Amino acid sequence: MQATLNGHVIADSDDIVEAGGYQYFPSTATRLEWLEKVPKTESDRACPHGVQFYDVVLDNTRSSRAAWSYESPRPAMQAVGGRFGFWQDVKVE
């Protein structure tokens, strides 16, 4: 499975965990150099799993909050800890 944005492969792995309708890629299969941590919003801080969003920055284009990870997932989401999910402009297929 791949996560792509404008023809660039951001993440590529067969080791995918699905939760809540999203696919989560291992950090080792993700181009972390293209992700920029963004400040947490009030809604982010209220998330029980410690969500951290990232902008995806490629070719001088920023896709706002298009990636996320859970810094302290509760037991129900433990399987996605240390992994990245993608949405909005990023295609996952």
PDB file of N, CA and C in Angstrom:
ATOM      1  N   MET A   1       0.844  -1.169   0.000  1.00  0.00           N
ATOM      2  CA  MET A   1       0.000   0.000   0.000  1.00  0.00           C
ATOM      3  C   MET A   1       0.895   1.241   0.000  1.00  0.00           C
ATOM      4  N   GLN A   2       0.427   2.293  -0.657  1.00  0.00           N
ATOM      5  CA  GLN A   2       1.198   3.534  -0.729  1.00  0.00           C
ATOM      6  C   GLN A   2       0.339   4.734  -0.352  1.00  0.00           C
ATOM      7  N   ALA A   3       0.999   5.733   0.218  1.00  0.00           N
ATOM      8  CA  ALA A   3       0.406   7.046   0.440  1.00  0.00           C
ATOM      9  C   ALA A   3       1.151   7.994  -0.497  1.00  0.00           C
ATOM     10  N   THR A   4       0.434   8.662  -1.385  1.00  0.00           N
ATOM     11  CA  THR A   4       1.073   9.530  -2.376  1.00  0.00           C
ATOM     12  C   THR A   4       0.443  10.916  -2.388  1.00  0.00           C
ATOM     13  N   LEU A   5       1.259  11.877  -2.782  1.00  0.00           N
ATOM     14  CA  LEU A   5       0.806  13.247  -2.956  1.00  0.00           C
ATOM     15  C   LEU A   5       1.501  13.816  -4.172  1.00  0.00           C
ATOM     16  N   ASN A   6       0.724  14.208  -5.167  1.00  0.00           N
ATOM     17  CA  ASN A   6       1.264  14.793  -6.399  1.00  0.00           C
ATOM     18  C   ASN A   6       2.365  13.932  -7.016  1.00  0.00           C
ATOM     19  N   GLY A   7       2.138  12.620  -7.041  1.00  0.00           N
ATOM     20  CA  GLY A   7       3.082  11.703  -7.664  1.00  0.00           C
ATOM     21  C   GLY A   7       4.260  11.304  -6.799  1.00  0.00           C
ATOM     22  N   HIS A   8       4.374  11.847  -5.599  1.00  0.00           N
ATOM     23  CA  HIS A   8       5.459  11.496  -4.675  1.00  0.00           C
ATOM     24  C   HIS A   8       4.968  10.455  -3.675  1.00  0.00           C
ATOM     25  N   VAL A   9       5.753   9.408  -3.479  1.00  0.00           N
ATOM     26  CA  VAL A   9       5.400   8.371  -2.517  1.00  0.00           C
ATOM     27  C   VAL A   9       5.885   8.814  -1.140  1.00  0.00           C
ATOM     28  N   ILE A  10       4.953   9.070  -0.250  1.00  0.00           N
ATOM     29  CA  ILE A  10       5.265   9.517   1.109  1.00  0.00           C
ATOM     30  C   ILE A  10       5.493   8.318   2.023  1.00  0.00           C
ATOM     31  N   ALA A  11       4.713   7.260   1.809  1.00  0.00           N
ATOM     32  CA  ALA A  11       4.845   6.041   2.606  1.00  0.00           C
ATOM     33  C   ALA A  11       4.530   4.850   1.716  1.00  0.00           C
ATOM     34  N   ASP A  12       5.250   3.736   1.955  1.00  0.00           N
ATOM     35  CA  ASP A  12       5.075   2.538   1.142  1.00  0.00           C
ATOM     36  C   ASP A  12       5.362   1.326   2.012  1.00  0.00           C
ATOM     37  N   SER A  13       4.356   0.481   2.204  1.00  0.00           N
ATOM     38  CA  SER A  13       4.541  -0.693   3.053  1.00  0.00           C
ATOM     39  C   SER A  13       3.408  -1.688   2.869  1.00  0.00           C
ATOM     40  N   ASP A  14       3.719  -2.963   3.107  1.00  0.00           N
ATOM     41  CA  ASP A  14       2.698  -3.996   3.181  1.00  0.00           C
ATOM     42  C   ASP A  14       2.283  -4.233   4.631  1.00  0.00           C
ATOM     43  N   ASP A  15       3.015  -3.609   5.553  1.00  0.00           N
ATOM     44  CA  ASP A  15       2.744  -3.735   6.992  1.00  0.00           C
ATOM     45  C   ASP A  15       1.807  -2.601   7.406  1.00  0.00           C
ATOM     46  N   ILE A  16       0.535  -2.782   7.118  1.00  0.00           N
ATOM     47  CA  ILE A  16      -0.477  -1.750   7.349  1.00  0.00           C
ATOM     48  C   ILE A  16      -1.407  -2.196   8.473  1.00  0.00           C
ATOM     49  N   VAL A  17      -1.738  -1.266   9.351  1.00  0.00           N
ATOM     50  CA  VAL A  17      -2.732  -1.513  10.386  1.00  0.00           C
ATOM     51  C   VAL A  17      -3.919  -0.607  10.074  1.00  0.00           C
ATOM     52  N   GLU A  18      -5.113  -1.203   9.996  1.00  0.00           N
ATOM     53  CA  GLU A  18      -6.315  -0.421   9.733  1.00  0.00           C
ATOM     54  C   GLU A  18      -7.068  -0.207  11.038  1.00  0.00           C
ATOM     55  N   ALA A  19      -7.491   1.027  11.253  1.00  0.00           N
ATOM     56  CA  ALA A  19      -8.275   1.363  12.439  1.00  0.00           C
ATOM     57  C   ALA A  19      -9.148   2.564  12.119  1.00  0.00           C
ATOM     58  N   GLY A  20     -10.400   2.481  12.459  1.00  0.00           N
ATOM     59  CA  GLY A  20     -11.310   3.595  12.260  1.00  0.00           C
ATOM     60  C   GLY A  20     -11.474   4.015  10.813  1.00  0.00           C
ATOM     61  N   GLY A  21     -11.267   3.083   9.875  1.00  0.00           N
ATOM     62  CA  GLY A  21     -11.401   3.399   8.461  1.00  0.00           C
ATOM     63  C   GLY A  21     -10.161   4.004   7.833  1.00  0.00           C
ATOM     64  N   TYR A  22      -9.070   4.123   8.583  1.00  0.00           N
ATOM     65  CA  TYR A  22      -7.813   4.664   8.075  1.00  0.00           C
ATOM     66  C   TYR A  22      -6.736   3.596   8.103  1.00  0.00           C
ATOM     67  N   GLN A  23      -5.774   3.716   7.195  1.00  0.00           N
ATOM     68  CA  GLN A  23      -4.641   2.811   7.151  1.00  0.00           C
ATOM     69  C   GLN A  23      -3.435   3.530   7.748  1.00  0.00           C
ATOM     70  N   TYR A  24      -2.705   2.821   8.595  1.00  0.00           N
ATOM     71  CA  TYR A  24      -1.551   3.393   9.291  1.00  0.00           C
ATOM     72  C   TYR A  24      -0.269   2.702   8.847  1.00  0.00           C
ATOM     73  N   PHE A  25       0.694   3.522   8.445  1.00  0.00           N
ATOM     74  CA  PHE A  25       1.986   3.060   7.948  1.00  0.00           C
ATOM     75  C   PHE A  25       3.034   3.129   9.052  1.00  0.00           C
ATOM     76  N   PRO A  26       3.970   2.180   9.068  1.00  0.00           N
ATOM     77  CA  PRO A  26       5.062   2.266  10.046  1.00  0.00           C
ATOM     78  C   PRO A  26       5.906   3.513   9.793  1.00  0.00           C
ATOM     79  N   SER A  27       6.452   4.084  10.838  1.00  0.00           N
ATOM     80  CA  SER A  27       7.305   5.270  10.670  1.00  0.00           C
ATOM     81  C   SER A  27       8.519   4.952   9.819  1.00  0.00           C
ATOM     82  N   THR A  28       9.013   3.711   9.883  1.00  0.00           N
ATOM     83  CA  THR A  28      10.194   3.327   9.095  1.00  0.00           C
ATOM     84  C   THR A  28       9.904   3.274   7.605  1.00  0.00           C
ATOM     85  N   ALA A  29       8.622   3.255   7.215  1.00  0.00           N
ATOM     86  CA  ALA A  29       8.236   3.219   5.804  1.00  0.00           C
ATOM     87  C   ALA A  29       7.725   4.571   5.328  1.00  0.00           C
ATOM     88  N   THR A  30       7.889   5.595   6.153  1.00  0.00           N
ATOM     89  CA  THR A  30       7.350   6.933   5.873  1.00  0.00           C
ATOM     90  C   THR A  30       8.492   7.925   5.679  1.00  0.00           C
ATOM     91  N   ARG A  31       8.359   8.775   4.669  1.00  0.00           N
ATOM     92  CA  ARG A  31       9.371   9.813   4.398  1.00  0.00           C
ATOM     93  C   ARG A  31       9.185  10.949   5.406  1.00  0.00           C
ATOM     94  N   LEU A  32       9.757  10.771   6.577  1.00  0.00           N
ATOM     95  CA  LEU A  32       9.583  11.726   7.676  1.00  0.00           C
ATOM     96  C   LEU A  32      10.136  13.110   7.347  1.00  0.00           C
ATOM     97  N   GLU A  33      11.097  13.178   6.458  1.00  0.00           N
ATOM     98  CA  GLU A  33      11.677  14.478   6.095  1.00  0.00           C
ATOM     99  C   GLU A  33      10.676  15.370   5.355  1.00  0.00           C
ATOM    100  N   TRP A  34       9.577  14.800   4.885  1.00  0.00           N
ATOM    101  CA  TRP A  34       8.545  15.577   4.205  1.00  0.00           C
ATOM    102  C   TRP A  34       7.409  15.976   5.142  1.00  0.00           C
ATOM    103  N   LEU A  35       7.509  15.588   6.406  1.00  0.00           N
ATOM    104  CA  LEU A  35       6.473  15.913   7.384  1.00  0.00           C
ATOM    105  C   LEU A  35       6.975  16.970   8.342  1.00  0.00           C
ATOM    106  N   GLU A  36       6.161  17.989   8.568  1.00  0.00           N
ATOM    107  CA  GLU A  36       6.490  19.051   9.521  1.00  0.00           C
ATOM    108  C   GLU A  36       5.418  19.096  10.607  1.00  0.00           C
ATOM    109  N   LYS A  37       5.853  18.892  11.834  1.00  0.00           N
ATOM    110  CA  LYS A  37       4.950  18.916  12.979  1.00  0.00           C
ATOM    111  C   LYS A  37       4.288  20.295  13.069  1.00  0.00           C
ATOM    112  N   VAL A  38       2.973  20.295  13.341  1.00  0.00           N
ATOM    113  CA  VAL A  38       2.247  21.559  13.471  1.00  0.00           C
ATOM    114  C   VAL A  38       1.795  21.728  14.912  1.00  0.00           C
ATOM    115  N   PRO A  39       1.579  22.976  15.332  1.00  0.00           N
ATOM    116  CA  PRO A  39       1.090  23.212  16.693  1.00  0.00           C
ATOM    117  C   PRO A  39      -0.263  22.535  16.913  1.00  0.00           C
ATOM    118  N   LYS A  40      -0.458  22.049  18.128  1.00  0.00           N
ATOM    119  CA  LYS A  40      -1.717  21.382  18.458  1.00  0.00           C
ATOM    120  C   LYS A  40      -2.827  22.399  18.666  1.00  0.00           C
ATOM    121  N   THR A  41      -4.007  22.039  18.176  1.00  0.00           N
ATOM    122  CA  THR A  41      -5.190  22.849  18.395  1.00  0.00           C
ATOM    123  C   THR A  41      -5.847  22.391  19.700  1.00  0.00           C
ATOM    124  N   GLU A  42      -6.869  23.109  20.123  1.00  0.00           N
ATOM    125  CA  GLU A  42      -7.613  22.707  21.322  1.00  0.00           C
ATOM    126  C   GLU A  42      -8.218  21.319  21.122  1.00  0.00           C
ATOM    127  N   SER A  43      -8.724  21.061  19.934  1.00  0.00           N
ATOM    128  CA  SER A  43      -9.300  19.757  19.615  1.00  0.00           C
ATOM    129  C   SER A  43      -8.235  18.658  19.667  1.00  0.00           C
ATOM    130  N   ASP A  44      -7.042  18.955  19.164  1.00  0.00           N
ATOM    131  CA  ASP A  44      -5.939  17.981  19.215  1.00  0.00           C
ATOM    132  C   ASP A  44      -5.601  17.635  20.660  1.00  0.00           C
ATOM    133  N   ARG A  45      -5.516  18.657  21.496  1.00  0.00           N
ATOM    134  CA  ARG A  45      -5.168  18.438  22.901  1.00  0.00           C
ATOM    135  C   ARG A  45      -6.245  17.631  23.628  1.00  0.00           C
ATOM    136  N   ALA A  46      -7.491  17.692  23.156  1.00  0.00           N
ATOM    137  CA  ALA A  46      -8.582  16.941  23.774  1.00  0.00           C
ATOM    138  C   ALA A  46      -8.596  15.464  23.354  1.00  0.00           C
ATOM    139  N   CYS A  47      -7.844  15.123  22.323  1.00  0.00           N
ATOM    140  CA  CYS A  47      -7.824  13.736  21.841  1.00  0.00           C
ATOM    141  C   CYS A  47      -7.209  12.824  22.902  1.00  0.00           C
ATOM    142  N   PRO A  48      -7.896  11.751  23.270  1.00  0.00           N
ATOM    143  CA  PRO A  48      -7.386  10.869  24.321  1.00  0.00           C
ATOM    144  C   PRO A  48      -6.161  10.064  23.910  1.00  0.00           C
ATOM    145  N   HIS A  49      -5.827  10.060  22.636  1.00  0.00           N
ATOM    146  CA  HIS A  49      -4.688   9.273  22.144  1.00  0.00           C
ATOM    147  C   HIS A  49      -3.437  10.116  21.918  1.00  0.00           C
ATOM    148  N   GLY A  50      -3.506  11.402  22.225  1.00  0.00           N
ATOM    149  CA  GLY A  50      -2.345  12.271  22.034  1.00  0.00           C
ATOM    150  C   GLY A  50      -2.006  12.473  20.565  1.00  0.00           C
ATOM    151  N   VAL A  51      -2.976  12.903  19.783  1.00  0.00           N
ATOM    152  CA  VAL A  51      -2.750  13.063  18.348  1.00  0.00           C
ATOM    153  C   VAL A  51      -1.772  14.204  18.062  1.00  0.00           C
ATOM    154  N   GLN A  52      -0.911  13.976  17.078  1.00  0.00           N
ATOM    155  CA  GLN A  52      -0.006  15.011  16.574  1.00  0.00           C
ATOM    156  C   GLN A  52      -0.177  15.059  15.066  1.00  0.00           C
ATOM    157  N   PHE A  53      -0.570  16.220  14.554  1.00  0.00           N
ATOM    158  CA  PHE A  53      -0.717  16.383  13.110  1.00  0.00           C
ATOM    159  C   PHE A  53       0.557  16.945  12.502  1.00  0.00           C
ATOM    160  N   TYR A  54       0.687  16.681  11.189  1.00  0.00           N
ATOM    161  CA  TYR A  54       1.850  17.127  10.423  1.00  0.00           C
ATOM    162  C   TYR A  54       1.371  17.685   9.096  1.00  0.00           C
ATOM    163  N   ASP A  55       2.039  18.749   8.638  1.00  0.00           N
ATOM    164  CA  ASP A  55       1.864  19.194   7.261  1.00  0.00           C
ATOM    165  C   ASP A  55       2.780  18.340   6.394  1.00  0.00           C
ATOM    166  N   VAL A  56       2.327  18.015   5.180  1.00  0.00           N
ATOM    167  CA  VAL A  56       3.179  17.341   4.209  1.00  0.00           C
ATOM    168  C   VAL A  56       3.698  18.435   3.275  1.00  0.00           C
ATOM    169  N   VAL A  57       5.023  18.566   3.207  1.00  0.00           N
ATOM    170  CA  VAL A  57       5.632  19.635   2.427  1.00  0.00           C
ATOM    171  C   VAL A  57       6.466  19.026   1.307  1.00  0.00           C
ATOM    172  N   LEU A  58       6.037  19.288   0.061  1.00  0.00           N
ATOM    173  CA  LEU A  58       6.706  18.758  -1.129  1.00  0.00           C
ATOM    174  C   LEU A  58       6.719  19.820  -2.213  1.00  0.00           C
ATOM    175  N   ASP A  59       7.848  19.955  -2.890  1.00  0.00           N
ATOM    176  CA  ASP A  59       7.936  20.879  -4.028  1.00  0.00           C
ATOM    177  C   ASP A  59       7.400  22.266  -3.677  1.00  0.00           C
ATOM    178  N   ASN A  60       7.753  22.761  -2.505  1.00  0.00           N
ATOM    179  CA  ASN A  60       7.317  24.082  -2.044  1.00  0.00           C
ATOM    180  C   ASN A  60       5.799  24.202  -1.899  1.00  0.00           C
ATOM    181  N   THR A  61       5.116  23.069  -1.781  1.00  0.00           N
ATOM    182  CA  THR A  61       3.675  23.053  -1.568  1.00  0.00           C
ATOM    183  C   THR A  61       3.398  22.387  -0.230  1.00  0.00           C
ATOM    184  N   ARG A  62       2.520  22.992   0.527  1.00  0.00           N
ATOM    185  CA  ARG A  62       2.193  22.498   1.865  1.00  0.00           C
ATOM    186  C   ARG A  62       0.762  21.964   1.874  1.00  0.00           C
ATOM    187  N   SER A  63       0.608  20.705   2.266  1.00  0.00           N
ATOM    188  CA  SER A  63      -0.707  20.113   2.454  1.00  0.00           C
ATOM    189  C   SER A  63      -0.952  20.080   3.960  1.00  0.00           C
ATOM    190  N   SER A  64      -1.772  20.997   4.403  1.00  0.00           N
ATOM    191  CA  SER A  64      -1.976  21.243   5.828  1.00  0.00           C
ATOM    192  C   SER A  64      -2.627  20.064   6.556  1.00  0.00           C
ATOM    193  N   ARG A  65      -1.981  19.644   7.643  1.00  0.00           N
ATOM    194  CA  ARG A  65      -2.515  18.626   8.552  1.00  0.00           C
ATOM    195  C   ARG A  65      -2.938  17.357   7.813  1.00  0.00           C
ATOM    196  N   ALA A  66      -2.182  16.955   6.817  1.00  0.00           N
ATOM    197  CA  ALA A  66      -2.531  15.802   5.989  1.00  0.00           C
ATOM    198  C   ALA A  66      -2.001  14.483   6.543  1.00  0.00           C
ATOM    199  N   ALA A  67      -1.214  14.535   7.608  1.00  0.00           N
ATOM    200  CA  ALA A  67      -0.700  13.317   8.240  1.00  0.00           C
ATOM    201  C   ALA A  67      -0.835  13.453   9.750  1.00  0.00           C
ATOM    202  N   TRP A  68      -0.913  12.323  10.431  1.00  0.00           N
ATOM    203  CA  TRP A  68      -0.989  12.362  11.888  1.00  0.00           C
ATOM    204  C   TRP A  68      -0.435  11.071  12.474  1.00  0.00           C
ATOM    205  N   SER A  69      -0.112  11.161  13.741  1.00  0.00           N
ATOM    206  CA  SER A  69       0.263   9.977  14.514  1.00  0.00           C
ATOM    207  C   SER A  69      -0.273  10.161  15.934  1.00  0.00           C
ATOM    208  N   TYR A  70      -0.366   9.048  16.651  1.00  0.00           N
ATOM    209  CA  TYR A  70      -0.821   9.088  18.031  1.00  0.00           C
ATOM    210  C   TYR A  70       0.383   8.883  18.940  1.00  0.00           C
ATOM    211  N   GLU A  71       0.634   9.860  19.795  1.00  0.00           N
ATOM    212  CA  GLU A  71       1.810   9.825  20.659  1.00  0.00           C
ATOM    213  C   GLU A  71       1.611   8.942  21.882  1.00  0.00           C
ATOM    214  N   SER A  72       0.376   8.807  22.350  1.00  0.00           N
ATOM    215  CA  SER A  72       0.103   7.972  23.533  1.00  0.00           C
ATOM    216  C   SER A  72      -1.264   7.304  23.379  1.00  0.00           C
ATOM    217  N   PRO A  73      -1.366   6.367  22.422  1.00  0.00           N
ATOM    218  CA  PRO A  73      -2.663   5.745  22.170  1.00  0.00           C
ATOM    219  C   PRO A  73      -3.147   4.907  23.349  1.00  0.00           C
ATOM    220  N   ARG A  74      -4.414   4.994  23.606  1.00  0.00           N
ATOM    221  CA  ARG A  74      -5.040   4.160  24.626  1.00  0.00           C
ATOM    222  C   ARG A  74      -5.092   2.721  24.096  1.00  0.00           C
ATOM    223  N   PRO A  75      -5.395   1.755  24.967  1.00  0.00           N
ATOM    224  CA  PRO A  75      -5.360   0.349  24.558  1.00  0.00           C
ATOM    225  C   PRO A  75      -6.103   0.024  23.260  1.00  0.00           C
ATOM    226  N   ALA A  76      -7.258   0.626  23.033  1.00  0.00           N
ATOM    227  CA  ALA A  76      -8.037   0.322  21.827  1.00  0.00           C
ATOM    228  C   ALA A  76      -7.313   0.721  20.549  1.00  0.00           C
ATOM    229  N   MET A  77      -6.385   1.672  20.636  1.00  0.00           N
ATOM    230  CA  MET A  77      -5.650   2.156  19.458  1.00  0.00           C
ATOM    231  C   MET A  77      -4.157   1.845  19.553  1.00  0.00           C
ATOM    232  N   GLN A  78      -3.769   1.002  20.472  1.00  0.00           N
ATOM    233  CA  GLN A  78      -2.358   0.692  20.703  1.00  0.00           C
ATOM    234  C   GLN A  78      -1.652   0.201  19.433  1.00  0.00           C
ATOM    235  N   ALA A  79      -2.361  -0.514  18.580  1.00  0.00           N
ATOM    236  CA  ALA A  79      -1.759  -1.085  17.370  1.00  0.00           C
ATOM    237  C   ALA A  79      -1.267  -0.024  16.395  1.00  0.00           C
ATOM    238  N   VAL A  80      -1.764   1.210  16.494  1.00  0.00           N
ATOM    239  CA  VAL A  80      -1.341   2.249  15.556  1.00  0.00           C
ATOM    240  C   VAL A  80      -0.270   3.172  16.147  1.00  0.00           C
ATOM    241  N   GLY A  81       0.138   2.915  17.370  1.00  0.00           N
ATOM    242  CA  GLY A  81       1.204   3.716  17.982  1.00  0.00           C
ATOM    243  C   GLY A  81       2.481   3.634  17.151  1.00  0.00           C
ATOM    244  N   GLY A  82       3.132   4.772  16.931  1.00  0.00           N
ATOM    245  CA  GLY A  82       4.357   4.800  16.139  1.00  0.00           C
ATOM    246  C   GLY A  82       4.125   4.704  14.646  1.00  0.00           C
ATOM    247  N   ARG A  83       2.890   4.843  14.223  1.00  0.00           N
ATOM    248  CA  ARG A  83       2.541   4.771  12.800  1.00  0.00           C
ATOM    249  C   ARG A  83       1.919   6.090  12.351  1.00  0.00           C
ATOM    250  N   PHE A  84       1.808   6.254  11.031  1.00  0.00           N
ATOM    251  CA  PHE A  84       1.264   7.481  10.459  1.00  0.00           C
ATOM    252  C   PHE A  84       0.044   7.184   9.612  1.00  0.00           C
ATOM    253  N   GLY A  85      -0.978   8.017   9.787  1.00  0.00           N
ATOM    254  CA  GLY A  85      -2.162   7.996   8.943  1.00  0.00           C
ATOM    255  C   GLY A  85      -2.130   9.222   8.039  1.00  0.00           C
ATOM    256  N   PHE A  86      -2.845   9.121   6.929  1.00  0.00           N
ATOM    257  CA  PHE A  86      -2.882  10.209   5.946  1.00  0.00           C
ATOM    258  C   PHE A  86      -4.313  10.420   5.480  1.00  0.00           C
ATOM    259  N   TRP A  87      -4.602  11.662   5.062  1.00  0.00           N
ATOM    260  CA  TRP A  87      -5.920  11.988   4.528  1.00  0.00           C
ATOM    261  C   TRP A  87      -5.825  13.261   3.727  1.00  0.00           C
ATOM    262  N   GLN A  88      -6.971  13.825   3.420  1.00  0.00           N
ATOM    263  CA  GLN A  88      -7.118  15.042   2.631  1.00  0.00           C
ATOM    264  C   GLN A  88      -6.479  14.866   1.258  1.00  0.00           C
ATOM    265  N   ASP A  89      -5.433  15.613   0.916  1.00  0.00           N
ATOM    266  CA  ASP A  89      -4.839  15.560  -0.415  1.00  0.00           C
ATOM    267  C   ASP A  89      -4.018  14.293  -0.668  1.00  0.00           C
ATOM    268  N   VAL A  90      -3.691  13.567   0.383  1.00  0.00           N
ATOM    269  CA  VAL A  90      -2.849  12.371   0.240  1.00  0.00           C
ATOM    270  C   VAL A  90      -3.738  11.173  -0.113  1.00  0.00           C
ATOM    271  N   LYS A  91      -3.385  10.496  -1.208  1.00  0.00           N
ATOM    272  CA  LYS A  91      -4.120   9.303  -1.625  1.00  0.00           C
ATOM    273  C   LYS A  91      -3.469   8.086  -0.980  1.00  0.00           C
ATOM    274  N   VAL A  92      -4.312   7.220  -0.448  1.00  0.00           N
ATOM    275  CA  VAL A  92      -3.837   5.959   0.134  1.00  0.00           C
ATOM    276  C   VAL A  92      -4.492   4.839  -0.627  1.00  0.00           C
ATOM    277  N   GLU A  93      -3.652   4.064  -1.323  1.00  0.00           N
ATOM    278  CA  GLU A  93      -4.183   2.923  -2.101  1.00  0.00           C
ATOM    279  C   GLU A  93      -3.132   1.860  -2.273  1.00  0.00           C
TER     280      GLU A  93
END
